[in-house]
Amino acid sequence: MAEKVDRLTRVNALLKRELAETFERDLLVPSGMLVSVTEVKVSVDLRNATVYVSIFGGKASDREKIMHELAADRAGIQARVGRNLAFKHTPVLDFRLDTRTEKGDRVLELLQQAEEEEKRRNE
């Protein structure tokens, strides 16, 4: 069992690295925006992979457009990744927008606001 977990961990890391390089090389991103692969989760049978993508900068509509582009070019991205990694079967990729960083930033912003309000009340 531990061997399967180690294998999945290695495959996740390989896919994450390869997808990041593919995005950097092939994905057209508007100026001022950054697309990052934050996590890859491959199924136990290695047939499917959920790819979490974080997009910084730009408007919500720009982020939606990039996610639509990724979904539309999924087969092409899979083919490029498959050629570079030479897997027996390249997992079917499912791209998901990762908003954890944005949510974390919002929590920090709220904490900072609460701290500033507390200081004003104590003055």
PDB file of N, CA and C in Angstrom:
ATOM      1  N   MET A   1       0.832  -1.194   0.000  1.00  0.00           N
ATOM      2  CA  MET A   1       0.000   0.000   0.000  1.00  0.00           C
ATOM      3  C   MET A   1       0.874   1.255   0.000  1.00  0.00           C
ATOM      4  N   ALA A   2       1.919   1.251   0.801  1.00  0.00           N
ATOM      5  CA  ALA A   2       2.810   2.412   0.872  1.00  0.00           C
ATOM      6  C   ALA A   2       3.469   2.661  -0.487  1.00  0.00           C
ATOM      7  N   GLU A   3       3.728   1.576  -1.225  1.00  0.00           N
ATOM      8  CA  GLU A   3       4.334   1.703  -2.550  1.00  0.00           C
ATOM      9  C   GLU A   3       3.397   2.436  -3.508  1.00  0.00           C
ATOM     10  N   LYS A   4       2.081   2.143  -3.427  1.00  0.00           N
ATOM     11  CA  LYS A   4       1.097   2.817  -4.272  1.00  0.00           C
ATOM     12  C   LYS A   4       1.018   4.306  -3.941  1.00  0.00           C
ATOM     13  N   VAL A   5       1.052   4.622  -2.643  1.00  0.00           N
ATOM     14  CA  VAL A   5       1.009   6.020  -2.214  1.00  0.00           C
ATOM     15  C   VAL A   5       2.245   6.748  -2.715  1.00  0.00           C
ATOM     16  N   ASP A   6       3.414   6.136  -2.591  1.00  0.00           N
ATOM     17  CA  ASP A   6       4.651   6.752  -3.083  1.00  0.00           C
ATOM     18  C   ASP A   6       4.580   6.970  -4.593  1.00  0.00           C
ATOM     19  N   ARG A   7       4.038   5.999  -5.300  1.00  0.00           N
ATOM     20  CA  ARG A   7       3.923   6.116  -6.754  1.00  0.00           C
ATOM     21  C   ARG A   7       2.986   7.264  -7.120  1.00  0.00           C
ATOM     22  N   LEU A   8       1.834   7.350  -6.443  1.00  0.00           N
ATOM     23  CA  LEU A   8       0.895   8.441  -6.701  1.00  0.00           C
ATOM     24  C   LEU A   8       1.532   9.800  -6.400  1.00  0.00           C
ATOM     25  N   THR A   9       2.282   9.867  -5.327  1.00  0.00           N
ATOM     26  CA  THR A   9       2.958  11.112  -4.962  1.00  0.00           C
ATOM     27  C   THR A   9       3.939  11.516  -6.049  1.00  0.00           C
ATOM     28  N   ARG A  10       4.694  10.561  -6.564  1.00  0.00           N
ATOM     29  CA  ARG A  10       5.663  10.854  -7.639  1.00  0.00           C
ATOM     30  C   ARG A  10       4.945  11.278  -8.920  1.00  0.00           C
ATOM     31  N   VAL A  11       3.870  10.577  -9.267  1.00  0.00           N
ATOM     32  CA  VAL A  11       3.119  10.922 -10.480  1.00  0.00           C
ATOM     33  C   VAL A  11       2.502  12.313 -10.335  1.00  0.00           C
ATOM     34  N   ASN A  12       1.943  12.615  -9.167  1.00  0.00           N
ATOM     35  CA  ASN A  12       1.386  13.952  -8.920  1.00  0.00           C
ATOM     36  C   ASN A  12       2.448  15.024  -9.129  1.00  0.00           C
ATOM     37  N   ALA A  13       3.627  14.806  -8.572  1.00  0.00           N
ATOM     38  CA  ALA A  13       4.716  15.783  -8.676  1.00  0.00           C
ATOM     39  C   ALA A  13       5.192  15.929 -10.123  1.00  0.00           C
ATOM     40  N   LEU A  14       5.325  14.803 -10.828  1.00  0.00           N
ATOM     41  CA  LEU A  14       5.745  14.858 -12.236  1.00  0.00           C
ATOM     42  C   LEU A  14       4.737  15.618 -13.084  1.00  0.00           C
ATOM     43  N   LEU A  15       3.471  15.307 -12.905  1.00  0.00           N
ATOM     44  CA  LEU A  15       2.426  15.989 -13.670  1.00  0.00           C
ATOM     45  C   LEU A  15       2.387  17.483 -13.343  1.00  0.00           C
ATOM     46  N   LYS A  16       2.506  17.805 -12.074  1.00  0.00           N
ATOM     47  CA  LYS A  16       2.485  19.218 -11.671  1.00  0.00           C
ATOM     48  C   LYS A  16       3.621  19.983 -12.345  1.00  0.00           C
ATOM     49  N   ARG A  17       4.815  19.423 -12.301  1.00  0.00           N
ATOM     50  CA  ARG A  17       5.970  20.085 -12.918  1.00  0.00           C
ATOM     51  C   ARG A  17       5.791  20.219 -14.430  1.00  0.00           C
ATOM     52  N   GLU A  18       5.361  19.144 -15.072  1.00  0.00           N
ATOM     53  CA  GLU A  18       5.203  19.159 -16.526  1.00  0.00           C
ATOM     54  C   GLU A  18       4.096  20.115 -16.961  1.00  0.00           C
ATOM     55  N   LEU A  19       2.991  20.134 -16.235  1.00  0.00           N
ATOM     56  CA  LEU A  19       1.905  21.051 -16.567  1.00  0.00           C
ATOM     57  C   LEU A  19       2.331  22.508 -16.371  1.00  0.00           C
ATOM     58  N   ALA A  20       3.070  22.776 -15.308  1.00  0.00           N
ATOM     59  CA  ALA A  20       3.560  24.142 -15.082  1.00  0.00           C
ATOM     60  C   ALA A  20       4.451  24.591 -16.236  1.00  0.00           C
ATOM     61  N   GLU A  21       5.331  23.704 -16.683  1.00  0.00           N
ATOM     62  CA  GLU A  21       6.208  24.033 -17.812  1.00  0.00           C
ATOM     63  C   GLU A  21       5.400  24.207 -19.098  1.00  0.00           C
ATOM     64  N   THR A  22       4.401  23.363 -19.298  1.00  0.00           N
ATOM     65  CA  THR A  22       3.547  23.467 -20.488  1.00  0.00           C
ATOM     66  C   THR A  22       2.781  24.786 -20.483  1.00  0.00           C
ATOM     67  N   PHE A  23       2.236  25.164 -19.330  1.00  0.00           N
ATOM     68  CA  PHE A  23       1.516  26.440 -19.235  1.00  0.00           C
ATOM     69  C   PHE A  23       2.448  27.602 -19.542  1.00  0.00           C
ATOM     70  N   GLU A  24       3.641  27.557 -18.971  1.00  0.00           N
ATOM     71  CA  GLU A  24       4.603  28.641 -19.175  1.00  0.00           C
ATOM     72  C   GLU A  24       4.977  28.763 -20.655  1.00  0.00           C
ATOM     73  N   ARG A  25       5.126  27.640 -21.303  1.00  0.00           N
ATOM     74  CA  ARG A  25       5.570  27.599 -22.690  1.00  0.00           C
ATOM     75  C   ARG A  25       4.434  27.886 -23.675  1.00  0.00           C
ATOM     76  N   ASP A  26       3.245  27.344 -23.433  1.00  0.00           N
ATOM     77  CA  ASP A  26       2.199  27.333 -24.451  1.00  0.00           C
ATOM     78  C   ASP A  26       0.945  28.153 -24.153  1.00  0.00           C
ATOM     79  N   LEU A  27       0.702  28.479 -22.903  1.00  0.00           N
ATOM     80  CA  LEU A  27      -0.544  29.167 -22.554  1.00  0.00           C
ATOM     81  C   LEU A  27      -0.390  30.673 -22.736  1.00  0.00           C
ATOM     82  N   LEU A  28      -1.290  31.246 -23.523  1.00  0.00           N
ATOM     83  CA  LEU A  28      -1.268  32.696 -23.731  1.00  0.00           C
ATOM     84  C   LEU A  28      -2.051  33.353 -22.603  1.00  0.00           C
ATOM     85  N   VAL A  29      -1.324  34.106 -21.775  1.00  0.00           N
ATOM     86  CA  VAL A  29      -1.913  34.747 -20.610  1.00  0.00           C
ATOM     87  C   VAL A  29      -1.801  36.256 -20.784  1.00  0.00           C
ATOM     88  N   PRO A  30      -2.885  36.997 -20.544  1.00  0.00           N
ATOM     89  CA  PRO A  30      -2.806  38.453 -20.644  1.00  0.00           C
ATOM     90  C   PRO A  30      -1.725  39.027 -19.729  1.00  0.00           C
ATOM     91  N   SER A  31      -1.165  40.132 -20.151  1.00  0.00           N
ATOM     92  CA  SER A  31      -0.118  40.804 -19.375  1.00  0.00           C
ATOM     93  C   SER A  31      -0.625  41.110 -17.966  1.00  0.00           C
ATOM     94  N   GLY A  32       0.233  40.904 -16.989  1.00  0.00           N
ATOM     95  CA  GLY A  32      -0.122  41.193 -15.606  1.00  0.00           C
ATOM     96  C   GLY A  32      -0.809  40.045 -14.897  1.00  0.00           C
ATOM     97  N   MET A  33      -0.944  38.912 -15.574  1.00  0.00           N
ATOM     98  CA  MET A  33      -1.584  37.751 -14.957  1.00  0.00           C
ATOM     99  C   MET A  33      -0.590  36.603 -14.851  1.00  0.00           C
ATOM    100  N   LEU A  34      -0.808  35.756 -13.870  1.00  0.00           N
ATOM    101  CA  LEU A  34       0.049  34.601 -13.642  1.00  0.00           C
ATOM    102  C   LEU A  34      -0.835  33.375 -13.426  1.00  0.00           C
ATOM    103  N   VAL A  35      -0.526  32.303 -14.136  1.00  0.00           N
ATOM    104  CA  VAL A  35      -1.254  31.036 -13.986  1.00  0.00           C
ATOM    105  C   VAL A  35      -0.299  30.038 -13.355  1.00  0.00           C
ATOM    106  N   SER A  36      -0.744  29.430 -12.273  1.00  0.00           N
ATOM    107  CA  SER A  36       0.109  28.513 -11.526  1.00  0.00           C
ATOM    108  C   SER A  36      -0.632  27.213 -11.233  1.00  0.00           C
ATOM    109  N   VAL A  37       0.062  26.091 -11.372  1.00  0.00           N
ATOM    110  CA  VAL A  37      -0.502  24.794 -10.988  1.00  0.00           C
ATOM    111  C   VAL A  37      -0.206  24.623  -9.497  1.00  0.00           C
ATOM    112  N   THR A  38      -1.252  24.605  -8.678  1.00  0.00           N
ATOM    113  CA  THR A  38      -1.039  24.527  -7.233  1.00  0.00           C
ATOM    114  C   THR A  38      -1.030  23.100  -6.708  1.00  0.00           C
ATOM    115  N   GLU A  39      -1.766  22.221  -7.397  1.00  0.00           N
ATOM    116  CA  GLU A  39      -1.844  20.838  -6.919  1.00  0.00           C
ATOM    117  C   GLU A  39      -2.364  19.939  -8.037  1.00  0.00           C
ATOM    118  N   VAL A  40      -1.917  18.699  -8.022  1.00  0.00           N
ATOM    119  CA  VAL A  40      -2.427  17.678  -8.942  1.00  0.00           C
ATOM    120  C   VAL A  40      -2.775  16.455  -8.106  1.00  0.00           C
ATOM    121  N   LYS A  41      -3.970  15.935  -8.314  1.00  0.00           N
ATOM    122  CA  LYS A  41      -4.411  14.724  -7.615  1.00  0.00           C
ATOM    123  C   LYS A  41      -4.784  13.672  -8.653  1.00  0.00           C
ATOM    124  N   VAL A  42      -3.971  12.638  -8.746  1.00  0.00           N
ATOM    125  CA  VAL A  42      -4.202  11.555  -9.695  1.00  0.00           C
ATOM    126  C   VAL A  42      -5.008  10.462  -8.994  1.00  0.00           C
ATOM    127  N   SER A  43      -5.961   9.875  -9.733  1.00  0.00           N
ATOM    128  CA  SER A  43      -6.745   8.779  -9.168  1.00  0.00           C
ATOM    129  C   SER A  43      -5.845   7.562  -8.966  1.00  0.00           C
ATOM    130  N   VAL A  44      -6.273   6.661  -8.119  1.00  0.00           N
ATOM    131  CA  VAL A  44      -5.488   5.474  -7.782  1.00  0.00           C
ATOM    132  C   VAL A  44      -5.177   4.637  -9.023  1.00  0.00           C
ATOM    133  N   ASP A  45      -6.109   4.603  -9.979  1.00  0.00           N
ATOM    134  CA  ASP A  45      -5.870   3.817 -11.190  1.00  0.00           C
ATOM    135  C   ASP A  45      -5.073   4.589 -12.253  1.00  0.00           C
ATOM    136  N   LEU A  46      -4.666   5.801 -11.931  1.00  0.00           N
ATOM    137  CA  LEU A  46      -3.851   6.669 -12.806  1.00  0.00           C
ATOM    138  C   LEU A  46      -4.569   7.064 -14.100  1.00  0.00           C
ATOM    139  N   ARG A  47      -5.870   6.922 -14.158  1.00  0.00           N
ATOM    140  CA  ARG A  47      -6.624   7.233 -15.381  1.00  0.00           C
ATOM    141  C   ARG A  47      -7.113   8.684 -15.420  1.00  0.00           C
ATOM    142  N   ASN A  48      -7.274   9.300 -14.256  1.00  0.00           N
ATOM    143  CA  ASN A  48      -7.799  10.665 -14.171  1.00  0.00           C
ATOM    144  C   ASN A  48      -6.929  11.501 -13.240  1.00  0.00           C
ATOM    145  N   ALA A  49      -6.877  12.795 -13.527  1.00  0.00           N
ATOM    146  CA  ALA A  49      -6.125  13.703 -12.670  1.00  0.00           C
ATOM    147  C   ALA A  49      -6.873  15.027 -12.561  1.00  0.00           C
ATOM    148  N   THR A  50      -7.058  15.476 -11.344  1.00  0.00           N
ATOM    149  CA  THR A  50      -7.638  16.788 -11.105  1.00  0.00           C
ATOM    150  C   THR A  50      -6.481  17.759 -10.935  1.00  0.00           C
ATOM    151  N   VAL A  51      -6.492  18.812 -11.744  1.00  0.00           N
ATOM    152  CA  VAL A  51      -5.415  19.797 -11.742  1.00  0.00           C
ATOM    153  C   VAL A  51      -5.973  21.097 -11.187  1.00  0.00           C
ATOM    154  N   TYR A  52      -5.429  21.534 -10.050  1.00  0.00           N
ATOM    155  CA  TYR A  52      -5.871  22.773  -9.427  1.00  0.00           C
ATOM    156  C   TYR A  52      -4.979  23.906  -9.919  1.00  0.00           C
ATOM    157  N   VAL A  53      -5.642  24.937 -10.463  1.00  0.00           N
ATOM    158  CA  VAL A  53      -4.948  26.055 -11.089  1.00  0.00           C
ATOM    159  C   VAL A  53      -5.313  27.324 -10.346  1.00  0.00           C
ATOM    160  N   SER A  54      -4.291  28.104 -10.010  1.00  0.00           N
ATOM    161  CA  SER A  54      -4.498  29.392  -9.378  1.00  0.00           C
ATOM    162  C   SER A  54      -4.149  30.468 -10.396  1.00  0.00           C
ATOM    163  N   ILE A  55      -5.004  31.474 -10.497  1.00  0.00           N
ATOM    164  CA  ILE A  55      -4.787  32.548 -11.459  1.00  0.00           C
ATOM    165  C   ILE A  55      -4.747  33.862 -10.699  1.00  0.00           C
ATOM    166  N   PHE A  56      -3.619  34.562 -10.811  1.00  0.00           N
ATOM    167  CA  PHE A  56      -3.427  35.827 -10.103  1.00  0.00           C
ATOM    168  C   PHE A  56      -3.523  36.982 -11.089  1.00  0.00           C
ATOM    169  N   GLY A  57      -4.127  38.070 -10.631  1.00  0.00           N
ATOM    170  CA  GLY A  57      -4.230  39.265 -11.458  1.00  0.00           C
ATOM    171  C   GLY A  57      -5.406  39.183 -12.402  1.00  0.00           C
ATOM    172  N   GLY A  58      -5.660  40.283 -13.071  1.00  0.00           N
ATOM    173  CA  GLY A  58      -6.737  40.323 -14.046  1.00  0.00           C
ATOM    174  C   GLY A  58      -8.110  40.365 -13.408  1.00  0.00           C
ATOM    175  N   LYS A  59      -9.103  40.422 -14.251  1.00  0.00           N
ATOM    176  CA  LYS A  59     -10.502  40.456 -13.805  1.00  0.00           C
ATOM    177  C   LYS A  59     -11.048  39.027 -13.751  1.00  0.00           C
ATOM    178  N   ALA A  60     -12.183  38.899 -13.107  1.00  0.00           N
ATOM    179  CA  ALA A  60     -12.837  37.587 -13.012  1.00  0.00           C
ATOM    180  C   ALA A  60     -13.115  37.034 -14.411  1.00  0.00           C
ATOM    181  N   SER A  61     -13.495  37.896 -15.327  1.00  0.00           N
ATOM    182  CA  SER A  61     -13.785  37.437 -16.690  1.00  0.00           C
ATOM    183  C   SER A  61     -12.526  36.894 -17.368  1.00  0.00           C
ATOM    184  N   ASP A  62     -11.357  37.497 -17.067  1.00  0.00           N
ATOM    185  CA  ASP A  62     -10.091  36.992 -17.612  1.00  0.00           C
ATOM    186  C   ASP A  62      -9.785  35.604 -17.061  1.00  0.00           C
ATOM    187  N   ARG A  63     -10.036  35.409 -15.763  1.00  0.00           N
ATOM    188  CA  ARG A  63      -9.785  34.105 -15.141  1.00  0.00           C
ATOM    189  C   ARG A  63     -10.711  33.051 -15.750  1.00  0.00           C
ATOM    190  N   GLU A  64     -11.975  33.415 -15.944  1.00  0.00           N
ATOM    191  CA  GLU A  64     -12.928  32.481 -16.560  1.00  0.00           C
ATOM    192  C   GLU A  64     -12.483  32.112 -17.972  1.00  0.00           C
ATOM    193  N   LYS A  65     -12.005  33.096 -18.716  1.00  0.00           N
ATOM    194  CA  LYS A  65     -11.550  32.850 -20.085  1.00  0.00           C
ATOM    195  C   LYS A  65     -10.384  31.862 -20.094  1.00  0.00           C
ATOM    196  N   ILE A  66      -9.433  32.034 -19.180  1.00  0.00           N
ATOM    197  CA  ILE A  66      -8.289  31.123 -19.107  1.00  0.00           C
ATOM    198  C   ILE A  66      -8.751  29.715 -18.756  1.00  0.00           C
ATOM    199  N   MET A  67      -9.681  29.586 -17.816  1.00  0.00           N
ATOM    200  CA  MET A  67     -10.187  28.258 -17.449  1.00  0.00           C
ATOM    201  C   MET A  67     -10.910  27.611 -18.631  1.00  0.00           C
ATOM    202  N   HIS A  68     -11.656  28.399 -19.399  1.00  0.00           N
ATOM    203  CA  HIS A  68     -12.322  27.867 -20.596  1.00  0.00           C
ATOM    204  C   HIS A  68     -11.294  27.416 -21.635  1.00  0.00           C
ATOM    205  N   GLU A  69     -10.211  28.196 -21.791  1.00  0.00           N
ATOM    206  CA  GLU A  69      -9.145  27.818 -22.728  1.00  0.00           C
ATOM    207  C   GLU A  69      -8.505  26.499 -22.315  1.00  0.00           C
ATOM    208  N   LEU A  70      -8.253  26.339 -21.017  1.00  0.00           N
ATOM    209  CA  LEU A  70      -7.657  25.087 -20.532  1.00  0.00           C
ATOM    210  C   LEU A  70      -8.588  23.909 -20.819  1.00  0.00           C
ATOM    211  N   ALA A  71      -9.868  24.085 -20.547  1.00  0.00           N
ATOM    212  CA  ALA A  71     -10.829  23.006 -20.794  1.00  0.00           C
ATOM    213  C   ALA A  71     -10.917  22.686 -22.289  1.00  0.00           C
ATOM    214  N   ALA A  72     -10.916  23.722 -23.115  1.00  0.00           N
ATOM    215  CA  ALA A  72     -11.027  23.514 -24.562  1.00  0.00           C
ATOM    216  C   ALA A  72      -9.793  22.816 -25.136  1.00  0.00           C
ATOM    217  N   ASP A  73      -8.634  23.093 -24.563  1.00  0.00           N
ATOM    218  CA  ASP A  73      -7.380  22.505 -25.069  1.00  0.00           C
ATOM    219  C   ASP A  73      -6.914  21.318 -24.223  1.00  0.00           C
ATOM    220  N   ARG A  74      -7.826  20.760 -23.424  1.00  0.00           N
ATOM    221  CA  ARG A  74      -7.465  19.656 -22.531  1.00  0.00           C
ATOM    222  C   ARG A  74      -6.789  18.513 -23.281  1.00  0.00           C
ATOM    223  N   ALA A  75      -7.355  18.095 -24.391  1.00  0.00           N
ATOM    224  CA  ALA A  75      -6.789  16.968 -25.143  1.00  0.00           C
ATOM    225  C   ALA A  75      -5.392  17.298 -25.661  1.00  0.00           C
ATOM    226  N   GLY A  76      -5.203  18.511 -26.146  1.00  0.00           N
ATOM    227  CA  GLY A  76      -3.879  18.921 -26.628  1.00  0.00           C
ATOM    228  C   GLY A  76      -2.857  18.968 -25.517  1.00  0.00           C
ATOM    229  N   ILE A  77      -3.271  19.496 -24.363  1.00  0.00           N
ATOM    230  CA  ILE A  77      -2.369  19.557 -23.206  1.00  0.00           C
ATOM    231  C   ILE A  77      -2.007  18.141 -22.770  1.00  0.00           C
ATOM    232  N   GLN A  78      -3.009  17.255 -22.712  1.00  0.00           N
ATOM    233  CA  GLN A  78      -2.747  15.856 -22.341  1.00  0.00           C
ATOM    234  C   GLN A  78      -1.749  15.221 -23.302  1.00  0.00           C
ATOM    235  N   ALA A  79      -1.924  15.477 -24.590  1.00  0.00           N
ATOM    236  CA  ALA A  79      -1.024  14.890 -25.592  1.00  0.00           C
ATOM    237  C   ALA A  79       0.409  15.377 -25.378  1.00  0.00           C
ATOM    238  N   ARG A  80       0.593  16.680 -25.152  1.00  0.00           N
ATOM    239  CA  ARG A  80       1.943  17.218 -24.940  1.00  0.00           C
ATOM    240  C   ARG A  80       2.567  16.637 -23.668  1.00  0.00           C
ATOM    241  N   VAL A  81       1.773  16.562 -22.613  1.00  0.00           N
ATOM    242  CA  VAL A  81       2.270  16.002 -21.345  1.00  0.00           C
ATOM    243  C   VAL A  81       2.616  14.529 -21.541  1.00  0.00           C
ATOM    244  N   GLY A  82       1.753  13.799 -22.233  1.00  0.00           N
ATOM    245  CA  GLY A  82       1.989  12.374 -22.480  1.00  0.00           C
ATOM    246  C   GLY A  82       3.271  12.126 -23.262  1.00  0.00           C
ATOM    247  N   ARG A  83       3.514  12.955 -24.277  1.00  0.00           N
ATOM    248  CA  ARG A  83       4.761  12.809 -25.055  1.00  0.00           C
ATOM    249  C   ARG A  83       5.985  13.075 -24.187  1.00  0.00           C
ATOM    250  N   ASN A  84       5.914  14.095 -23.366  1.00  0.00           N
ATOM    251  CA  ASN A  84       7.077  14.465 -22.548  1.00  0.00           C
ATOM    252  C   ASN A  84       7.331  13.499 -21.401  1.00  0.00           C
ATOM    253  N   LEU A  85       6.284  12.937 -20.835  1.00  0.00           N
ATOM    254  CA  LEU A  85       6.466  12.045 -19.685  1.00  0.00           C
ATOM    255  C   LEU A  85       6.485  10.570 -20.071  1.00  0.00           C
ATOM    256  N   ALA A  86       6.033  10.237 -21.245  1.00  0.00           N
ATOM    257  CA  ALA A  86       6.039   8.862 -21.748  1.00  0.00           C
ATOM    258  C   ALA A  86       5.351   7.885 -20.793  1.00  0.00           C
ATOM    259  N   PHE A  87       4.192   8.293 -20.269  1.00  0.00           N
ATOM    260  CA  PHE A  87       3.380   7.387 -19.458  1.00  0.00           C
ATOM    261  C   PHE A  87       2.713   6.372 -20.373  1.00  0.00           C
ATOM    262  N   LYS A  88       2.440   5.185 -19.836  1.00  0.00           N
ATOM    263  CA  LYS A  88       1.698   4.188 -20.612  1.00  0.00           C
ATOM    264  C   LYS A  88       0.319   4.750 -20.973  1.00  0.00           C
ATOM    265  N   HIS A  89      -0.350   5.348 -19.986  1.00  0.00           N
ATOM    266  CA  HIS A  89      -1.627   6.024 -20.188  1.00  0.00           C
ATOM    267  C   HIS A  89      -1.524   7.398 -19.533  1.00  0.00           C
ATOM    268  N   THR A  90      -1.764   8.441 -20.300  1.00  0.00           N
ATOM    269  CA  THR A  90      -1.775   9.781 -19.726  1.00  0.00           C
ATOM    270  C   THR A  90      -3.138   9.993 -19.077  1.00  0.00           C
ATOM    271  N   PRO A  91      -3.158  10.427 -17.817  1.00  0.00           N
ATOM    272  CA  PRO A  91      -4.449  10.641 -17.151  1.00  0.00           C
ATOM    273  C   PRO A  91      -5.288  11.696 -17.873  1.00  0.00           C
ATOM    274  N   VAL A  92      -6.596  11.512 -17.827  1.00  0.00           N
ATOM    275  CA  VAL A  92      -7.522  12.521 -18.338  1.00  0.00           C
ATOM    276  C   VAL A  92      -7.501  13.679 -17.346  1.00  0.00           C
ATOM    277  N   LEU A  93      -7.204  14.868 -17.848  1.00  0.00           N
ATOM    278  CA  LEU A  93      -7.046  16.033 -16.982  1.00  0.00           C
ATOM    279  C   LEU A  93      -8.369  16.754 -16.779  1.00  0.00           C
ATOM    280  N   ASP A  94      -8.616  17.151 -15.548  1.00  0.00           N
ATOM    281  CA  ASP A  94      -9.792  17.942 -15.193  1.00  0.00           C
ATOM    282  C   ASP A  94      -9.282  19.189 -14.478  1.00  0.00           C
ATOM    283  N   PHE A  95      -9.396  20.350 -15.123  1.00  0.00           N
ATOM    284  CA  PHE A  95      -8.873  21.594 -14.560  1.00  0.00           C
ATOM    285  C   PHE A  95      -9.912  22.242 -13.659  1.00  0.00           C
ATOM    286  N   ARG A  96      -9.458  22.641 -12.470  1.00  0.00           N
ATOM    287  CA  ARG A  96     -10.319  23.310 -11.489  1.00  0.00           C
ATOM    288  C   ARG A  96      -9.615  24.575 -11.000  1.00  0.00           C
ATOM    289  N   LEU A  97     -10.381  25.632 -10.839  1.00  0.00           N
ATOM    290  CA  LEU A  97      -9.821  26.874 -10.320  1.00  0.00           C
ATOM    291  C   LEU A  97      -9.612  26.732  -8.822  1.00  0.00           C
ATOM    292  N   ASP A  98      -8.410  26.989  -8.371  1.00  0.00           N
ATOM    293  CA  ASP A  98      -8.056  26.910  -6.949  1.00  0.00           C
ATOM    294  C   ASP A  98      -8.158  28.317  -6.363  1.00  0.00           C
ATOM    295  N   THR A  99      -9.116  28.524  -5.480  1.00  0.00           N
ATOM    296  CA  THR A  99      -9.320  29.849  -4.883  1.00  0.00           C
ATOM    297  C   THR A  99      -8.827  29.912  -3.437  1.00  0.00           C
ATOM    298  N   ARG A 100      -8.091  28.902  -2.998  1.00  0.00           N
ATOM    299  CA  ARG A 100      -7.640  28.886  -1.603  1.00  0.00           C
ATOM    300  C   ARG A 100      -6.772  30.089  -1.266  1.00  0.00           C
ATOM    301  N   THR A 101      -5.897  30.493  -2.183  1.00  0.00           N
ATOM    302  CA  THR A 101      -5.011  31.628  -1.922  1.00  0.00           C
ATOM    303  C   THR A 101      -5.832  32.906  -1.787  1.00  0.00           C
ATOM    304  N   GLU A 102      -6.788  33.103  -2.682  1.00  0.00           N
ATOM    305  CA  GLU A 102      -7.647  34.285  -2.613  1.00  0.00           C
ATOM    306  C   GLU A 102      -8.429  34.314  -1.303  1.00  0.00           C
ATOM    307  N   LYS A 103      -8.954  33.168  -0.903  1.00  0.00           N
ATOM    308  CA  LYS A 103      -9.714  33.096   0.345  1.00  0.00           C
ATOM    309  C   LYS A 103      -8.810  33.390   1.537  1.00  0.00           C
ATOM    310  N   GLY A 104      -7.593  32.869   1.509  1.00  0.00           N
ATOM    311  CA  GLY A 104      -6.637  33.139   2.586  1.00  0.00           C
ATOM    312  C   GLY A 104      -6.288  34.617   2.657  1.00  0.00           C
ATOM    313  N   ASP A 105      -6.087  35.242   1.494  1.00  0.00           N
ATOM    314  CA  ASP A 105      -5.802  36.680   1.454  1.00  0.00           C
ATOM    315  C   ASP A 105      -6.960  37.476   2.045  1.00  0.00           C
ATOM    316  N   ARG A 106      -8.186  37.056   1.730  1.00  0.00           N
ATOM    317  CA  ARG A 106      -9.369  37.757   2.252  1.00  0.00           C
ATOM    318  C   ARG A 106      -9.453  37.627   3.772  1.00  0.00           C
ATOM    319  N   VAL A 107      -9.154  36.459   4.304  1.00  0.00           N
ATOM    320  CA  VAL A 107      -9.164  36.261   5.754  1.00  0.00           C
ATOM    321  C   VAL A 107      -8.111  37.163   6.409  1.00  0.00           C
ATOM    322  N   LEU A 108      -6.912  37.214   5.828  1.00  0.00           N
ATOM    323  CA  LEU A 108      -5.868  38.077   6.380  1.00  0.00           C
ATOM    324  C   LEU A 108      -6.276  39.546   6.333  1.00  0.00           C
ATOM    325  N   GLU A 109      -6.932  39.937   5.259  1.00  0.00           N
ATOM    326  CA  GLU A 109      -7.415  41.316   5.121  1.00  0.00           C
ATOM    327  C   GLU A 109      -8.435  41.645   6.211  1.00  0.00           C
ATOM    328  N   LEU A 110      -9.356  40.723   6.460  1.00  0.00           N
ATOM    329  CA  LEU A 110     -10.362  40.927   7.502  1.00  0.00           C
ATOM    330  C   LEU A 110      -9.733  40.997   8.884  1.00  0.00           C
ATOM    331  N   LEU A 111      -8.742  40.162   9.134  1.00  0.00           N
ATOM    332  CA  LEU A 111      -8.044  40.197  10.422  1.00  0.00           C
ATOM    333  C   LEU A 111      -7.322  41.522  10.614  1.00  0.00           C
ATOM    334  N   GLN A 112      -6.696  42.004   9.550  1.00  0.00           N
ATOM    335  CA  GLN A 112      -5.994  43.281   9.620  1.00  0.00           C
ATOM    336  C   GLN A 112      -6.980  44.425   9.885  1.00  0.00           C
ATOM    337  N   GLN A 113      -8.140  44.396   9.232  1.00  0.00           N
ATOM    338  CA  GLN A 113      -9.156  45.421   9.458  1.00  0.00           C
ATOM    339  C   GLN A 113      -9.642  45.396  10.907  1.00  0.00           C
ATOM    340  N   ALA A 114      -9.869  44.202  11.430  1.00  0.00           N
ATOM    341  CA  ALA A 114     -10.329  44.066  12.815  1.00  0.00           C
ATOM    342  C   ALA A 114      -9.273  44.603  13.784  1.00  0.00           C
ATOM    343  N   GLU A 115      -8.024  44.326  13.500  1.00  0.00           N
ATOM    344  CA  GLU A 115      -6.926  44.808  14.345  1.00  0.00           C
ATOM    345  C   GLU A 115      -6.858  46.339  14.323  1.00  0.00           C
ATOM    346  N   GLU A 116      -7.021  46.935  13.141  1.00  0.00           N
ATOM    347  CA  GLU A 116      -6.982  48.395  13.018  1.00  0.00           C
ATOM    348  C   GLU A 116      -8.158  49.029  13.752  1.00  0.00           C
ATOM    349  N   GLU A 117      -9.341  48.430  13.656  1.00  0.00           N
ATOM    350  CA  GLU A 117     -10.509  48.940  14.373  1.00  0.00           C
ATOM    351  C   GLU A 117     -10.298  48.860  15.881  1.00  0.00           C
ATOM    352  N   GLU A 118      -9.698  47.774  16.329  1.00  0.00           N
ATOM    353  CA  GLU A 118      -9.412  47.601  17.762  1.00  0.00           C
ATOM    354  C   GLU A 118      -8.443  48.683  18.242  1.00  0.00           C
ATOM    355  N   LYS A 119      -7.426  48.996  17.455  1.00  0.00           N
ATOM    356  CA  LYS A 119      -6.463  50.047  17.821  1.00  0.00           C
ATOM    357  C   LYS A 119      -7.156  51.397  17.917  1.00  0.00           C
ATOM    358  N   ARG A 120      -8.046  51.699  16.971  1.00  0.00           N
ATOM    359  CA  ARG A 120      -8.778  52.979  16.978  1.00  0.00           C
ATOM    360  C   ARG A 120      -9.672  53.100  18.199  1.00  0.00           C
ATOM    361  N   ARG A 121     -10.291  52.010  18.594  1.00  0.00           N
ATOM    362  CA  ARG A 121     -11.167  52.050  19.784  1.00  0.00           C
ATOM    363  C   ARG A 121     -10.368  52.254  21.059  1.00  0.00           C
ATOM    364  N   ASN A 122      -9.143  51.760  21.083  1.00  0.00           N
ATOM    365  CA  ASN A 122      -8.296  51.859  22.286  1.00  0.00           C
ATOM    366  C   ASN A 122      -7.549  53.176  22.380  1.00  0.00           C
ATOM    367  N   GLU A 123      -7.615  53.999  21.353  1.00  0.00           N
ATOM    368  CA  GLU A 123      -6.888  55.289  21.374  1.00  0.00           C
ATOM    369  C   GLU A 123      -7.663  56.336  22.091  1.00  0.00           C
TER     370      GLU A 123
END
